Amino acid sequence: MSEQLKVKITRTNAGSRDLPLPSYTTEGSAGMDLYAAVESDLTIQPAETVLVPTGYSIELPEGIEAQVRPRSGLAIKHQVGILNSPGTIDSDYRGEIKVILTNFGKEPFTIRRGDRIAQLVVHRYVRIIWQEVDRLAETRRGEGGFGHTGISSVKGSNE
C-alpha cells in the first residue's frame, strides 16, 4: 500500500454538497477524479477554453503540491484536455480548484454537473538553492536535445 497523507478540504459554497470529494476510482489509481461544479450544462465550442469550478479548496502541507491533469478518456474520445497541463496547486494556495478545459476537437462538448473533468495527483517536492558556477560537468549527451535521438528505435531510420 502506498503512503497516505491527510489533507484538509472545504466546500467553496453550500451548493456544492451534492458533489463527491475528489476520489480514486480504482485501488491502483494515482490520480483522484475532479468533478464539475457547474450550475447548468456548459458547452465548450471547438477551439474554446473555459474555466470549470470544482466546488472545493484544499490546504496542502508545505512540501506537497497537487497537479491537475487531463483525463485520458476525455482526450481520446472528445479531444478535450487541459491547456496548462499539468496545472499546479501550490501549498500556499487557498482558492477554489478550477480546471482550464479546452476543446481541441471539431464538435461542441457539453459538461454537466458532476462530470469527471480532470484528475488530481499529489506529490512531494524539494526546493532548491542555486549554486552559480562557471562551468557544468560534461556528459555524453552534452547539449543534445529537441529530437537529437530521433524517433525510431531502428538505427538509421527516422533520425
Protein backbone atom coordinates (compact mmCIF):
# COMPACT_ATOMS: atom_id res chain seq x y z
CA MET A 1 0.00 0.00 0.00
CA SER A 2 1.22 3.49 -0.81
CA GLU A 3 1.81 6.24 1.72
CA GLN A 4 -1.27 8.14 2.91
CA LEU A 5 -1.50 11.83 3.82
CA LYS A 6 -4.37 13.66 5.49
CA VAL A 7 -5.25 16.88 3.64
CA LYS A 8 -7.87 19.43 4.70
CA ILE A 9 -10.59 20.19 2.14
CA THR A 10 -13.53 22.58 2.25
CA ARG A 11 -16.53 23.23 0.02
CA THR A 12 -16.44 26.66 -1.57
CA ASN A 13 -20.19 27.03 -1.17
CA ALA A 14 -23.09 25.11 0.35
CA GLY A 15 -24.46 24.43 -3.13
CA SER A 16 -21.63 22.01 -3.89
CA ARG A 17 -22.53 19.50 -1.16
CA ASP A 18 -24.17 17.23 -3.76
CA LEU A 19 -20.82 16.62 -5.46
CA PRO A 20 -18.37 13.97 -4.28
CA LEU A 21 -14.98 14.98 -2.93
CA PRO A 22 -12.05 14.17 -5.23
CA SER A 23 -11.81 10.40 -5.26
CA TYR A 24 -9.74 7.48 -6.54
CA THR A 25 -11.71 5.34 -9.00
CA THR A 26 -9.64 2.17 -8.63
CA GLU A 27 -7.33 0.77 -5.98
CA GLY A 28 -4.26 1.43 -8.14
CA SER A 29 -5.21 4.96 -9.26
CA ALA A 30 -2.56 7.64 -8.77
CA GLY A 31 -5.00 10.42 -9.65
CA MET A 32 -8.25 11.41 -7.98
CA ASP A 33 -11.16 12.44 -10.17
CA LEU A 34 -12.25 16.07 -10.03
CA TYR A 35 -15.93 16.81 -10.66
CA ALA A 36 -17.54 19.76 -12.44
CA ALA A 37 -19.39 22.11 -10.11
CA VAL A 38 -21.21 23.90 -12.92
CA GLU A 39 -24.68 25.24 -12.11
CA SER A 40 -26.06 24.26 -15.51
CA ASP A 41 -24.77 22.48 -18.61
CA LEU A 42 -21.70 24.17 -20.06
CA THR A 43 -20.92 23.64 -23.74
CA ILE A 44 -17.36 24.17 -24.94
CA GLN A 45 -17.24 25.06 -28.60
CA PRO A 46 -14.36 23.84 -30.81
CA ALA A 47 -11.14 25.79 -30.09
CA GLU A 48 -12.76 27.33 -26.98
CA THR A 49 -11.26 27.33 -23.48
CA VAL A 50 -13.34 27.58 -20.29
CA LEU A 51 -12.62 27.68 -16.57
CA VAL A 52 -14.61 24.97 -14.78
CA PRO A 53 -15.12 25.17 -11.00
CA THR A 54 -14.85 22.08 -8.79
CA GLY A 55 -16.55 23.43 -5.67
CA TYR A 56 -13.68 22.86 -3.22
CA SER A 57 -10.44 24.30 -1.89
CA ILE A 58 -7.63 22.37 -0.24
CA GLU A 59 -4.89 23.02 2.33
CA LEU A 60 -1.76 21.18 1.27
CA PRO A 61 1.12 20.86 3.75
CA GLU A 62 4.40 22.58 2.88
CA GLY A 63 6.49 20.34 0.61
CA ILE A 64 3.40 18.94 -1.13
CA GLU A 65 1.92 20.07 -4.46
CA ALA A 66 -1.10 18.86 -6.40
CA GLN A 67 -1.18 18.58 -10.18
CA VAL A 68 -4.39 18.93 -12.18
CA ARG A 69 -4.10 16.61 -15.15
CA PRO A 70 -6.31 15.68 -18.10
CA ARG A 71 -8.43 12.55 -18.19
CA SER A 72 -7.38 10.22 -20.99
CA GLY A 73 -10.97 9.28 -21.86
CA LEU A 74 -11.93 12.92 -22.48
CA ALA A 75 -8.81 13.37 -24.59
CA ILE A 76 -9.20 10.35 -26.87
CA LYS A 77 -13.00 10.29 -27.15
CA HIS A 78 -13.79 14.01 -27.23
CA GLN A 79 -10.45 15.82 -27.83
CA VAL A 80 -10.95 17.76 -24.58
CA GLY A 81 -7.88 18.47 -22.47
CA ILE A 82 -6.26 20.86 -20.04
CA LEU A 83 -4.49 23.80 -21.63
CA ASN A 84 -1.87 24.26 -18.88
CA SER A 85 -1.31 20.60 -18.18
CA PRO A 86 -0.37 19.85 -15.57
CA GLY A 87 -1.79 22.73 -13.60
CA THR A 88 -0.02 23.16 -10.27
CA ILE A 89 -1.71 23.81 -6.94
CA ASP A 90 0.89 25.14 -4.51
CA SER A 91 0.80 24.51 -0.78
CA ASP A 92 0.03 28.17 -0.04
CA TYR A 93 -2.94 28.44 -2.46
CA ARG A 94 -6.34 28.50 -0.73
CA GLY A 95 -8.66 29.39 -3.60
CA GLU A 96 -11.12 27.11 -5.33
CA ILE A 97 -9.63 24.45 -7.58
CA LYS A 98 -10.66 25.27 -11.15
CA VAL A 99 -9.82 23.41 -14.33
CA ILE A 100 -8.83 25.12 -17.60
CA LEU A 101 -10.52 22.88 -20.18
CA THR A 102 -10.02 23.30 -23.92
CA ASN A 103 -11.99 21.68 -26.71
CA PHE A 104 -9.30 20.72 -29.23
CA GLY A 105 -11.87 18.82 -31.32
CA LYS A 106 -14.22 19.77 -34.13
CA GLU A 107 -17.52 19.19 -32.29
CA PRO A 108 -19.02 21.05 -29.29
CA PHE A 109 -18.59 19.24 -25.96
CA THR A 110 -21.02 19.64 -23.06
CA ILE A 111 -20.01 19.42 -19.40
CA ARG A 112 -22.75 18.52 -16.93
CA ARG A 113 -22.79 18.98 -13.17
CA GLY A 114 -20.86 16.15 -11.52
CA ASP A 115 -18.98 15.09 -14.68
CA ARG A 116 -15.44 13.89 -14.07
CA ILE A 117 -13.39 16.56 -15.83
CA ALA A 118 -9.78 16.10 -14.65
CA GLN A 119 -7.64 14.24 -12.18
CA LEU A 120 -5.61 15.43 -9.22
CA VAL A 121 -2.23 13.87 -8.43
CA VAL A 122 -0.38 14.80 -5.22
CA HIS A 123 3.43 14.87 -4.98
CA ARG A 124 6.21 15.81 -2.60
CA TYR A 125 8.66 18.36 -3.92
CA VAL A 126 12.00 19.80 -2.90
CA ARG A 127 13.10 23.41 -3.02
CA ILE A 128 16.49 24.08 -4.48
CA ILE A 129 19.21 26.60 -3.78
CA TRP A 130 21.00 27.73 -6.93
CA GLN A 131 24.77 27.37 -6.92
CA GLU A 132 26.07 29.51 -9.74
CA VAL A 133 29.26 28.14 -11.33
CA ASP A 134 31.39 28.99 -14.35
CA ARG A 135 31.08 25.53 -15.90
CA LEU A 136 28.89 22.42 -15.62
CA ALA A 137 30.13 18.83 -15.57
CA GLU A 138 30.44 17.27 -19.04
CA THR A 139 28.15 14.37 -20.09
CA ARG A 140 28.00 12.12 -23.13
CA ARG A 141 24.75 13.80 -24.22
CA GLY A 142 26.07 17.32 -23.81
CA GLU A 143 23.74 19.93 -25.32
CA GLY A 144 21.79 17.45 -27.46
CA GLY A 145 18.05 17.97 -27.16
CA PHE A 146 14.83 18.59 -29.06
CA GLY A 147 14.80 15.33 -31.02
CA HIS A 148 18.52 14.67 -31.26
CA THR A 149 17.94 10.93 -30.65
CA GLY A 150 15.38 10.59 -33.48
CA ILE A 151 12.01 8.81 -33.31
CA SER A 152 12.80 5.27 -34.46
CA SER A 153 14.33 2.51 -32.37
CA VAL A 154 15.93 1.13 -35.57
CA LYS A 155 19.40 2.55 -36.14
CA GLY A 156 19.48 4.73 -39.26
CA SER A 157 15.66 5.10 -39.58
CA ASN A 158 13.79 8.36 -39.00
CA GLU A 159 16.73 10.09 -37.35
